[in-house]
Amino acid sequence: MVEKRRMGGRAARKALRAAPLAEEDKAVRPGMLGGRFKPLSDSDINSVNEAVMDVLENLGLSQAIPSCIELVTNAGGTYTGEGRLTFPRSLVEDTIANACQNFTLCGRDPKHDLDLSGNKVYFGTAGAAVHVVDLETREYRESTLADLYDIARIVDQMEHIHFFQRPIVCRDMEIPSELDFNTTYACISGTSKHVGSSWVLPEHLEHTMEMLHIVAGGEARWRERPFVSCSSCFVVPPLRFAEDACEVLEVTVRAGMPILLLAAGQAGATSPASLAGAVVQEVAETLAGLVYVNLIKKGHPAILGIWPFVSDLRTGAMSGGSGEQSILMAACGQMGRYYGLPTGIAAGMADSKLPDAQSGFEKGYTTTLAGHSGANMVYESAGMQASLLGVSKEGFVVDNDMLGAVNRSIRGIEINEESLSVQAMHDVCVDGPKHYLGHDQTMNLMQKDYVYPDVGDRTSPKEWVEQGSTDVLQKSRLVVDNILSAHFPRYIDDATDQLLREQFPVRLPREYMSPK
């Protein structure tokens, strides 16, 4: 009889797990509140900020383009005889106080909108990998436009990957303008989540904007809900502006497109080897960009992309999966919260070449600390291998499981009269069966408080053998195959797509975007 009741309870729990749950009732959802992990003390933060202001006011940045120099000097900055543009502390502090502190990154579908207010945290992709790894052959091959579309379709189905910034460079696109245009086209064709991309030259972005206006239903509708943002590498560390990227930045702002101000020095190479110094330099660079943007258009939606990377100082090679990288990015997330500005950092950039055990532990601690730091956007958190040189399609599926668990740790533990469970203990220990398996609280919380993996295995060894002894990568391979053979979304309707193909150099074959 005891076994029968136990099996009945298990069946009820399985039925409850299978039932759809309202978004607000899920154990985790986009925008959980981070900020509990604080690697920097209050005095540390003040010291970093003072150093940042010193760098901006007395050292500044070189290689500013004429329009940037004019904007900054008219606002009180100085262009020195050494060709450096400096930013007075008052200008920087006024910009921080008056910058856009809360805004929404829009998805094509409003259910994917990202509210970048306070400590709300979102995980997504990013990167410029030039290879895709084949798990069966264990070989790296060049990434293609079709790969980008495929990855977008995979991410479109991943619950815990909240936005899609292009993670690869399409190596089969030889003309730079067509590369930039088709990158955006492939991304918005494959997912209705918010998309991030980048452009080499301003005319490339202007060309893409024509497409985005058509897809949105006109320029006015685009400006109401811009569903693509620009990842702007407007600086070349250390402390130099990137001329072409600054020209793109100006077009971005005037086009009404949100912008990620990305400063990505590499400690020991293009930023100080000292982790504290790396934080100071990249914060200074991003704040210079924030001043620049707000002088073009006050209150334009901008994200501080404070991305200092770590070098393996034995070789000079980047180490995206190191412990130093995890604490460095978390400190940057904390600085963003100090300024009260939307902030994006990068984590999950495994050094491992495959989504294996090394990849798992590197991604686990880097994404966890990043999420808990309170940064709003955690980029590159899924799929990336080989310190951003490669991606694994199966890795996006594996990392989706990981990010669900990381997000649950960010949510923390709610303390209230019900959760303290004194009444439940009384029900079970005095009046009940001496276990909580079928208790109302257990049944109610099993989905609302708990996150379950899609491909991670929690069965007993016996059940695992009976089910084929599969590992997480084999399961992920099946998920990828199922998505790529069946999920062909129509986020651009056929009539609009035909119009785009008549007017623009769309290089993704229509037949590839339909079931075979």
Protein backbone atom coordinates (compact mmCIF):
# COMPACT_ATOMS: atom_id res chain seq x y z
CA MET A 1 0.00 0.00 0.00
CA VAL A 2 2.84 2.37 0.81
CA GLU A 3 4.42 1.73 -2.61
CA LYS A 4 1.11 2.27 -4.36
CA ARG A 5 0.62 5.65 -2.69
CA ARG A 6 4.19 6.57 -3.55
CA MET A 7 3.69 5.74 -7.22
CA GLY A 8 0.44 7.66 -7.25
CA GLY A 9 2.21 10.69 -5.84
CA ARG A 10 4.91 10.37 -8.48
CA ALA A 11 2.31 10.24 -11.25
CA ALA A 12 0.65 13.36 -9.85
CA ARG A 13 3.96 15.16 -9.74
CA LYS A 14 4.74 14.18 -13.33
CA ALA A 15 1.32 15.44 -14.42
CA LEU A 16 1.93 18.71 -12.62
CA ARG A 17 5.33 19.06 -14.28
CA ALA A 18 3.76 18.53 -17.70
CA ALA A 19 1.09 21.19 -17.19
CA PRO A 20 1.87 24.62 -18.70
CA LEU A 21 2.73 27.29 -16.16
CA ALA A 22 2.06 31.01 -16.40
CA GLU A 23 5.22 33.03 -16.94
CA GLU A 24 4.88 34.83 -13.62
CA ASP A 25 4.61 31.51 -11.78
CA LYS A 26 7.80 29.97 -13.16
CA ALA A 27 10.73 29.36 -10.84
CA VAL A 28 12.92 31.59 -13.00
CA ARG A 29 12.18 34.07 -15.75
CA PRO A 30 14.04 36.84 -17.55
CA GLY A 31 15.06 39.71 -15.31
CA MET A 32 15.69 38.05 -11.95
CA LEU A 33 17.29 40.47 -9.48
CA GLY A 34 21.06 40.13 -9.11
CA GLY A 35 23.55 42.18 -7.16
CA ARG A 36 24.20 39.96 -4.14
CA PHE A 37 27.82 39.26 -5.05
CA LYS A 38 30.06 42.25 -4.33
CA PRO A 39 33.76 41.59 -4.91
CA LEU A 40 34.54 45.27 -4.32
CA SER A 41 34.02 46.95 -0.96
CA ASP A 42 32.50 50.45 -0.79
CA SER A 43 35.97 51.93 -0.35
CA ASP A 44 37.23 49.86 -3.29
CA ILE A 45 34.47 51.26 -5.48
CA ASN A 46 35.29 54.81 -4.45
CA SER A 47 38.98 54.23 -5.23
CA VAL A 48 38.16 52.82 -8.66
CA ASN A 49 35.84 55.73 -9.39
CA GLU A 50 38.45 58.29 -8.36
CA ALA A 51 41.01 56.61 -10.63
CA VAL A 52 38.50 56.57 -13.51
CA MET A 53 37.81 60.28 -13.15
CA ASP A 54 41.54 60.99 -12.97
CA VAL A 55 42.17 59.05 -16.19
CA LEU A 56 39.36 60.80 -18.06
CA GLU A 57 40.25 64.30 -16.84
CA ASN A 58 44.03 64.17 -17.07
CA LEU A 59 44.90 61.45 -19.60
CA GLY A 60 41.88 61.16 -21.86
CA LEU A 61 41.66 59.26 -25.14
CA SER A 62 43.51 59.71 -28.42
CA GLN A 63 42.41 59.39 -32.07
CA ALA A 64 39.04 61.12 -31.64
CA ILE A 65 37.34 62.02 -34.92
CA PRO A 66 36.64 65.74 -35.59
CA SER A 67 32.91 65.54 -34.79
CA CYS A 68 33.66 63.91 -31.44
CA ILE A 69 36.31 66.52 -30.61
CA GLU A 70 33.86 69.32 -31.44
CA LEU A 71 31.10 67.83 -29.29
CA VAL A 72 33.31 67.25 -26.26
CA THR A 73 35.26 70.53 -26.38
CA ASN A 74 32.04 72.51 -26.78
CA ALA A 75 30.84 70.80 -23.60
CA GLY A 76 33.96 71.74 -21.62
CA GLY A 77 36.48 69.09 -22.62
CA THR A 78 39.99 69.77 -23.82
CA TYR A 79 41.88 68.63 -26.90
CA THR A 80 45.52 68.63 -25.84
CA GLY A 81 48.64 69.32 -27.82
CA GLU A 82 49.42 65.60 -27.64
CA GLY A 83 46.20 64.86 -29.52
CA ARG A 84 44.30 63.54 -26.52
CA LEU A 85 40.68 64.39 -25.75
CA THR A 86 40.07 64.86 -22.03
CA PHE A 87 36.78 64.88 -20.15
CA PRO A 88 36.32 67.10 -17.08
CA ARG A 89 34.90 65.35 -14.05
CA SER A 90 31.87 67.63 -13.97
CA LEU A 91 30.96 66.67 -17.54
CA VAL A 92 31.27 62.95 -16.80
CA GLU A 93 29.26 63.17 -13.60
CA ASP A 94 26.54 65.30 -15.23
CA THR A 95 26.31 62.76 -18.04
CA ILE A 96 25.93 59.87 -15.59
CA ALA A 97 23.22 61.75 -13.70
CA ASN A 98 21.24 62.58 -16.83
CA ALA A 99 21.84 59.47 -18.95
CA CYS A 100 19.05 57.02 -19.69
CA GLN A 101 19.04 54.82 -16.59
CA ASN A 102 16.06 52.59 -17.36
CA PHE A 103 14.95 51.46 -20.79
CA THR A 104 13.63 48.40 -22.57
CA LEU A 105 15.42 46.40 -25.23
CA CYS A 106 12.59 45.28 -27.48
CA GLY A 107 12.12 41.88 -29.03
CA ARG A 108 10.25 41.40 -32.27
CA ASP A 109 7.75 39.68 -29.98
CA PRO A 110 6.97 41.83 -26.91
CA LYS A 111 7.12 38.74 -24.70
CA HIS A 112 10.90 38.91 -25.19
CA ASP A 113 11.25 42.55 -24.12
CA LEU A 114 14.11 43.14 -21.67
CA ASP A 115 13.52 45.72 -18.93
CA LEU A 116 16.98 47.07 -18.10
CA SER A 117 16.10 48.69 -14.81
CA GLY A 118 17.76 48.21 -11.46
CA ASN A 119 19.47 44.85 -10.94
CA LYS A 120 17.46 42.85 -13.45
CA VAL A 121 19.67 40.26 -15.13
CA TYR A 122 19.42 38.70 -18.59
CA PHE A 123 21.62 36.08 -20.27
CA GLY A 124 22.38 36.00 -23.97
CA THR A 125 24.85 35.26 -26.72
CA ALA A 126 27.57 37.31 -28.40
CA GLY A 127 30.98 36.92 -29.92
CA ALA A 128 32.79 36.94 -33.23
CA ALA A 129 33.80 33.29 -33.52
CA VAL A 130 35.19 32.24 -36.87
CA HIS A 131 34.71 28.50 -36.39
CA VAL A 132 32.03 25.93 -35.57
CA VAL A 133 33.11 22.73 -33.83
CA ASP A 134 31.74 19.39 -35.03
CA LEU A 135 31.33 17.14 -32.01
CA GLU A 136 31.43 13.93 -34.05
CA THR A 137 34.69 14.66 -35.89
CA ARG A 138 36.09 16.96 -33.17
CA GLU A 139 37.17 19.32 -35.94
CA TYR A 140 36.80 23.08 -36.32
CA ARG A 141 35.48 24.45 -39.62
CA GLU A 142 34.80 28.01 -40.77
CA SER A 143 31.44 29.46 -39.73
CA THR A 144 28.87 30.37 -42.38
CA LEU A 145 25.72 32.42 -42.88
CA ALA A 146 23.66 29.23 -42.70
CA ASP A 147 25.27 28.47 -39.32
CA LEU A 148 24.23 31.88 -38.01
CA TYR A 149 20.62 31.32 -39.08
CA ASP A 150 20.70 27.85 -37.52
CA ILE A 151 22.07 29.16 -34.23
CA ALA A 152 19.38 31.86 -34.18
CA ARG A 153 16.73 29.16 -34.59
CA ILE A 154 18.26 27.13 -31.77
CA VAL A 155 18.43 30.11 -29.41
CA ASP A 156 14.85 31.00 -30.35
CA GLN A 157 13.80 27.77 -28.63
CA MET A 158 16.01 28.11 -25.53
CA GLU A 159 14.05 29.39 -22.53
CA HIS A 160 16.99 30.62 -20.49
CA ILE A 161 18.87 32.43 -23.28
CA HIS A 162 17.07 35.73 -23.26
CA PHE A 163 18.58 37.66 -26.18
CA PHE A 164 20.56 36.92 -29.34
CA GLN A 165 23.66 38.88 -30.24
CA ARG A 166 25.39 37.40 -33.24
CA PRO A 167 27.95 34.88 -31.96
CA ILE A 168 29.84 34.15 -35.20
CA VAL A 169 31.34 35.87 -38.21
CA CYS A 170 30.01 34.42 -41.48
CA ARG A 171 33.22 33.46 -43.24
CA ASP A 172 31.45 32.73 -46.54
CA MET A 173 30.50 36.42 -46.87
CA GLU A 174 33.47 37.99 -48.66
CA ILE A 175 32.07 41.50 -49.24
CA PRO A 176 32.06 43.44 -45.95
CA SER A 177 28.85 45.35 -46.69
CA GLU A 178 27.03 42.10 -47.53
CA LEU A 179 28.46 40.48 -44.40
CA ASP A 180 27.01 43.21 -42.18
CA PHE A 181 23.64 43.23 -43.94
CA ASN A 182 23.18 39.47 -44.08
CA THR A 183 24.29 39.02 -40.49
CA THR A 184 21.35 41.14 -39.35
CA TYR A 185 18.99 39.49 -41.82
CA ALA A 186 19.87 35.97 -40.64
CA CYS A 187 19.48 36.93 -36.98
CA ILE A 188 16.05 38.56 -37.28
CA SER A 189 14.87 35.73 -39.53
CA GLY A 190 15.76 33.06 -36.99
CA THR A 191 14.55 34.54 -33.70
CA SER A 192 11.98 36.97 -32.31
CA LYS A 193 14.24 37.77 -29.34
CA HIS A 194 16.16 41.04 -29.19
CA VAL A 195 19.07 40.96 -31.64
CA GLY A 196 22.47 42.59 -31.37
CA SER A 197 24.90 43.03 -34.24
CA SER A 198 27.70 45.29 -35.48
CA TRP A 199 28.70 47.16 -38.63
CA VAL A 200 32.12 48.00 -40.04
CA LEU A 201 31.24 51.27 -41.80
CA PRO A 202 28.41 53.80 -41.36
CA GLU A 203 27.07 53.17 -44.87
CA HIS A 204 26.69 49.48 -43.98
CA LEU A 205 24.44 50.42 -41.07
CA GLU A 206 22.48 52.90 -43.18
CA HIS A 207 21.84 50.13 -45.70
CA THR A 208 20.69 47.78 -42.95
CA MET A 209 18.43 50.46 -41.49
CA GLU A 210 16.50 50.54 -44.77
CA MET A 211 15.78 46.83 -44.30
CA LEU A 212 14.83 47.24 -40.64
CA HIS A 213 12.37 50.01 -41.47
CA ILE A 214 10.67 47.75 -44.01
CA VAL A 215 10.52 44.82 -41.60
CA ALA A 216 9.18 47.04 -38.79
CA GLY A 217 6.51 48.56 -41.01
CA GLY A 218 8.09 51.98 -41.39
CA GLU A 219 10.66 54.20 -39.69
CA ALA A 220 8.21 55.51 -37.10
CA ARG A 221 7.29 52.01 -35.98
CA TRP A 222 10.98 51.08 -35.85
CA ARG A 223 11.72 54.04 -33.58
CA GLU A 224 8.84 53.05 -31.29
CA ARG A 225 10.20 49.52 -30.87
CA PRO A 226 13.81 49.13 -32.08
CA PHE A 227 14.40 45.36 -31.92
CA VAL A 228 18.08 45.42 -32.97
CA SER A 229 20.94 47.05 -31.08
CA CYS A 230 24.48 47.95 -32.15
CA SER A 231 27.52 46.48 -30.46
CA SER A 232 29.96 49.36 -30.86
CA CYS A 233 33.69 48.76 -30.41
CA PHE A 234 34.23 52.53 -30.40
CA VAL A 235 37.58 52.25 -28.64
CA VAL A 236 40.79 50.41 -29.38
CA PRO A 237 42.34 49.88 -25.95
CA PRO A 238 44.38 51.33 -24.44
CA LEU A 239 42.49 54.64 -24.41
CA ARG A 240 42.17 55.26 -28.13
CA PHE A 241 39.04 55.90 -30.17
CA ALA A 242 38.38 53.71 -33.21
CA GLU A 243 37.65 56.13 -36.04
CA ASP A 244 35.40 54.00 -38.27
CA ALA A 245 33.49 52.64 -35.28
CA CYS A 246 32.89 56.17 -33.99
CA GLU A 247 31.36 57.11 -37.33
CA VAL A 248 29.08 54.07 -37.03
CA LEU A 249 28.26 55.09 -33.45
CA GLU A 250 26.99 58.47 -34.62
CA VAL A 251 24.75 56.89 -37.26
CA THR A 252 23.50 54.40 -34.65
CA VAL A 253 22.39 57.11 -32.25
CA ARG A 254 20.69 59.19 -34.91
CA ALA A 255 18.92 56.09 -36.24
CA GLY A 256 17.28 55.49 -32.85
CA MET A 257 19.09 52.19 -32.30
CA PRO A 258 20.15 51.21 -28.75
CA ILE A 259 23.90 50.88 -28.39
CA LEU A 260 26.28 48.71 -26.41
CA LEU A 261 29.39 50.78 -25.68
CA LEU A 262 31.97 48.04 -25.78
CA ALA A 263 35.46 48.43 -24.30
CA ALA A 264 37.36 45.15 -24.39
CA GLY A 265 40.96 45.49 -23.30
CA GLN A 266 43.01 42.39 -22.54
CA ALA A 267 44.81 42.44 -19.20
CA GLY A 268 48.56 42.38 -19.64
CA ALA A 269 48.30 43.26 -23.34
CA THR A 270 45.93 46.15 -24.09
CA SER A 271 44.98 46.93 -20.51
CA PRO A 272 46.98 46.77 -17.26
CA ALA A 273 47.87 43.31 -15.97
CA SER A 274 46.54 44.43 -12.59
CA LEU A 275 42.89 43.40 -12.40
CA ALA A 276 42.04 46.64 -10.63
CA GLY A 277 43.81 48.60 -13.37
CA ALA A 278 41.92 46.68 -16.05
CA VAL A 279 38.65 47.66 -14.39
CA VAL A 280 39.69 51.31 -14.21
CA GLN A 281 40.71 51.53 -17.86
CA GLU A 282 37.60 49.84 -19.27
CA VAL A 283 35.22 51.80 -17.04
CA ALA A 284 36.96 55.03 -18.14
CA GLU A 285 36.65 54.09 -21.81
CA THR A 286 32.96 53.20 -21.57
CA LEU A 287 32.15 56.40 -19.67
CA ALA A 288 33.92 58.40 -22.38
CA GLY A 289 31.64 56.68 -24.85
CA LEU A 290 28.61 57.50 -22.72
CA VAL A 291 29.53 61.19 -22.76
CA TYR A 292 29.99 61.03 -26.53
CA VAL A 293 26.60 59.40 -27.09
CA ASN A 294 24.74 61.79 -24.81
CA LEU A 295 26.29 64.81 -26.51
CA ILE A 296 24.88 63.52 -29.79
CA LYS A 297 21.47 62.82 -28.24
CA LYS A 298 20.79 63.28 -24.56
CA GLY A 299 19.21 60.23 -22.94
CA HIS A 300 19.86 57.86 -25.83
CA PRO A 301 19.57 54.21 -24.68
CA ALA A 302 23.12 53.01 -24.08
CA ILE A 303 24.60 50.03 -22.23
CA LEU A 304 27.98 50.25 -20.54
CA GLY A 305 29.85 47.32 -22.07
CA ILE A 306 32.70 47.00 -19.57
CA TRP A 307 34.48 43.91 -20.95
CA PRO A 308 38.08 43.59 -19.77
CA PHE A 309 39.49 40.23 -20.81
CA VAL A 310 42.23 38.19 -19.18
CA SER A 311 45.49 36.97 -20.68
CA ASP A 312 47.34 33.83 -19.77
CA LEU A 313 50.50 35.75 -18.96
CA ARG A 314 52.67 32.74 -19.83
CA THR A 315 51.62 32.95 -23.49
CA GLY A 316 49.68 36.19 -23.95
CA ALA A 317 46.66 34.22 -25.18
CA MET A 318 43.18 35.16 -23.99
CA SER A 319 41.75 33.05 -21.18
CA GLY A 320 37.98 33.47 -21.17
CA GLY A 321 37.36 30.66 -18.70
CA SER A 322 39.79 31.65 -15.95
CA GLY A 323 39.00 32.47 -12.36
CA GLU A 324 40.56 35.88 -12.91
CA GLN A 325 38.09 36.49 -15.74
CA SER A 326 35.13 35.64 -13.53
CA ILE A 327 36.05 38.02 -10.72
CA LEU A 328 37.10 40.76 -13.16
CA MET A 329 33.73 40.80 -14.94
CA ALA A 330 31.83 40.64 -11.66
CA ALA A 331 33.69 43.73 -10.46
CA CYS A 332 32.70 45.50 -13.68
CA GLY A 333 29.08 44.55 -13.13
CA GLN A 334 29.30 46.01 -9.64
CA MET A 335 30.73 49.27 -11.01
CA GLY A 336 27.83 49.53 -13.42
CA ARG A 337 25.41 49.20 -10.53
CA TYR A 338 27.36 51.89 -8.65
CA TYR A 339 26.72 54.32 -11.49
CA GLY A 340 23.09 53.18 -11.74
CA LEU A 341 23.39 52.63 -15.48
CA PRO A 342 22.40 49.68 -17.69
CA THR A 343 25.49 47.50 -17.81
CA GLY A 344 26.59 44.51 -19.86
CA ILE A 345 29.50 42.18 -19.13
CA ALA A 346 30.70 38.94 -20.71
CA ALA A 347 30.90 35.46 -19.17
CA GLY A 348 30.82 31.85 -20.33
CA MET A 349 33.76 32.16 -22.72
CA ALA A 350 35.23 28.72 -22.08
CA ASP A 351 38.84 28.04 -23.01
CA SER A 352 37.90 24.41 -23.67
CA LYS A 353 37.55 23.48 -27.32
CA LEU A 354 34.52 21.25 -26.73
CA PRO A 355 31.47 21.49 -24.45
CA ASP A 356 33.11 19.01 -22.09
CA ALA A 357 33.86 18.90 -18.34
CA GLN A 358 36.41 21.73 -18.58
CA SER A 359 33.89 23.82 -20.48
CA GLY A 360 31.27 23.08 -17.85
CA PHE A 361 33.28 24.24 -14.86
CA GLU A 362 34.63 27.30 -16.67
CA LYS A 363 31.19 28.39 -17.81
CA GLY A 364 29.62 27.55 -14.45
CA TYR A 365 31.62 29.87 -12.24
CA THR A 366 32.04 32.68 -14.76
CA THR A 367 28.30 32.97 -15.54
CA THR A 368 27.32 32.55 -11.89
CA LEU A 369 29.50 35.38 -10.62
CA ALA A 370 28.48 37.58 -13.56
CA GLY A 371 24.80 37.02 -12.90
CA HIS A 372 25.11 37.66 -9.17
CA SER A 373 27.08 40.88 -9.76
CA GLY A 374 23.90 42.67 -10.82
CA ALA A 375 24.96 43.47 -14.40
CA ASN A 376 21.85 43.70 -16.56
CA MET A 377 23.19 41.87 -19.59
CA VAL A 378 25.49 38.86 -19.52
CA TYR A 379 26.79 38.41 -23.04
CA GLU A 380 28.57 35.38 -24.54
CA SER A 381 27.00 33.20 -21.85
CA ALA A 382 26.09 30.32 -24.19
CA GLY A 383 27.69 28.29 -26.94
CA MET A 384 31.16 29.81 -26.93
CA GLN A 385 34.30 27.65 -26.97
CA ALA A 386 38.05 28.14 -27.43
CA SER A 387 38.14 31.60 -25.82
CA LEU A 388 35.62 32.94 -28.36
CA LEU A 389 37.27 31.42 -31.43
CA GLY A 390 34.59 28.77 -31.88
CA VAL A 391 31.01 27.83 -31.12
CA SER A 392 29.20 24.57 -30.57
CA LYS A 393 25.56 24.29 -31.64
CA GLU A 394 25.03 21.60 -29.03
CA GLY A 395 26.67 23.91 -26.52
CA PHE A 396 23.78 26.36 -26.74
CA VAL A 397 21.44 23.58 -25.57
CA VAL A 398 23.74 22.44 -22.76
CA ASP A 399 24.31 26.01 -21.62
CA ASN A 400 20.58 26.70 -21.61
CA ASP A 401 20.30 24.12 -18.82
CA MET A 402 23.21 25.73 -16.99
CA LEU A 403 21.74 29.22 -17.27
CA GLY A 404 18.41 28.05 -15.89
CA ALA A 405 20.21 26.76 -12.80
CA VAL A 406 22.37 29.90 -12.52
CA ASN A 407 19.26 32.06 -12.78
CA ARG A 408 17.67 30.04 -9.97
CA SER A 409 20.67 30.77 -7.76
CA ILE A 410 20.27 34.47 -8.56
CA ARG A 411 16.64 34.37 -7.46
CA GLY A 412 17.72 33.27 -4.00
CA ILE A 413 15.44 32.16 -1.14
CA GLU A 414 12.22 33.97 -0.26
CA ILE A 415 11.50 34.19 3.45
CA ASN A 416 7.86 34.52 4.54
CA GLU A 417 5.42 32.77 6.83
CA GLU A 418 4.48 30.20 4.21
CA SER A 419 8.03 29.45 3.07
CA LEU A 420 9.26 28.96 6.65
CA SER A 421 6.97 25.90 6.61
CA VAL A 422 6.12 25.57 10.30
CA GLN A 423 2.53 24.62 9.46
CA ALA A 424 3.72 22.13 6.85
CA MET A 425 5.98 20.50 9.44
CA HIS A 426 3.00 20.22 11.79
CA ASP A 427 0.85 18.71 9.05
CA VAL A 428 3.45 16.07 8.23
CA CYS A 429 4.91 15.26 11.62
CA VAL A 430 1.75 15.28 13.73
CA ASP A 431 -1.19 14.63 11.44
CA GLY A 432 0.38 13.22 8.30
CA PRO A 433 2.43 10.45 6.70
CA LYS A 434 5.82 11.61 8.04
CA HIS A 435 7.00 12.77 4.61
CA TYR A 436 6.31 15.77 2.38
CA LEU A 437 5.98 14.01 -1.00
CA GLY A 438 2.26 14.57 -1.41
CA HIS A 439 1.83 17.65 0.74
CA ASP A 440 0.00 20.59 -0.84
CA GLN A 441 3.03 22.85 -0.37
CA THR A 442 5.27 20.37 -2.20
CA MET A 443 2.85 20.04 -5.10
CA ASN A 444 2.40 23.80 -5.30
CA LEU A 445 6.11 24.62 -5.25
CA MET A 446 7.55 21.88 -7.43
CA GLN A 447 7.41 24.11 -10.50
CA LYS A 448 7.22 27.53 -8.91
CA ASP A 449 10.37 27.11 -6.81
CA TYR A 450 12.35 24.48 -8.71
CA VAL A 451 14.06 24.47 -12.12
CA TYR A 452 14.56 21.20 -14.00
CA PRO A 453 17.15 20.47 -16.71
CA ASP A 454 16.10 19.60 -20.23
CA VAL A 455 19.17 17.56 -21.18
CA GLY A 456 20.96 17.18 -17.85
CA ASP A 457 20.49 13.73 -16.31
CA ARG A 458 19.09 13.11 -12.83
CA THR A 459 18.06 9.47 -13.19
CA SER A 460 19.48 6.56 -11.19
CA PRO A 461 22.31 4.55 -12.78
CA LYS A 462 19.83 1.73 -13.47
CA GLU A 463 17.37 4.05 -15.23
CA TRP A 464 20.21 5.71 -17.12
CA VAL A 465 21.38 2.36 -18.52
CA GLU A 466 17.82 1.36 -19.40
CA GLN A 467 17.37 4.61 -21.30
CA GLY A 468 20.46 4.07 -23.43
CA SER A 469 23.32 5.42 -21.27
CA THR A 470 23.29 8.71 -23.15
CA ASP A 471 25.30 11.71 -22.05
CA VAL A 472 24.37 15.38 -22.18
CA LEU A 473 26.02 15.98 -25.54
CA GLN A 474 24.19 13.11 -27.20
CA LYS A 475 20.90 14.45 -25.88
CA SER A 476 21.79 17.94 -27.04
CA ARG A 477 22.60 16.63 -30.50
CA LEU A 478 19.06 15.24 -30.74
CA VAL A 479 17.59 18.55 -29.60
CA VAL A 480 19.61 20.46 -32.21
CA ASP A 481 18.59 18.02 -34.96
CA ASN A 482 14.93 18.32 -34.00
CA ILE A 483 15.00 22.12 -33.97
CA LEU A 484 16.87 22.47 -37.24
CA SER A 485 14.62 19.99 -39.03
CA ALA A 486 11.32 21.43 -37.77
CA HIS A 487 11.64 25.02 -36.53
CA PHE A 488 11.43 27.38 -39.51
CA PRO A 489 9.85 30.53 -38.11
CA ARG A 490 8.36 33.22 -40.33
CA TYR A 491 9.39 36.31 -38.41
CA ILE A 492 9.62 38.05 -41.76
CA ASP A 493 6.47 37.29 -43.73
CA ASP A 494 6.80 35.96 -47.25
CA ALA A 495 5.67 39.15 -49.01
CA THR A 496 8.12 41.29 -47.04
CA ASP A 497 10.89 38.76 -47.55
CA GLN A 498 10.31 38.83 -51.31
CA LEU A 499 10.49 42.63 -51.25
CA LEU A 500 13.78 42.47 -49.34
CA ARG A 501 15.24 40.01 -51.83
CA GLU A 502 14.31 42.30 -54.70
CA GLN A 503 15.92 45.35 -53.11
CA PHE A 504 18.86 44.00 -51.14
CA PRO A 505 21.65 41.39 -51.50
CA VAL A 506 20.04 38.67 -49.35
CA ARG A 507 22.39 35.67 -49.55
CA LEU A 508 20.54 33.13 -47.40
CA PRO A 509 18.67 30.90 -49.89
CA ARG A 510 14.93 30.83 -49.35
CA GLU A 511 14.89 27.05 -49.80
CA TYR A 512 17.27 26.73 -46.83
CA MET A 513 14.69 28.53 -44.69
CA SER A 514 11.93 25.99 -45.34
CA PRO A 515 11.35 22.37 -44.27
CA LYS A 516 13.06 19.91 -46.56
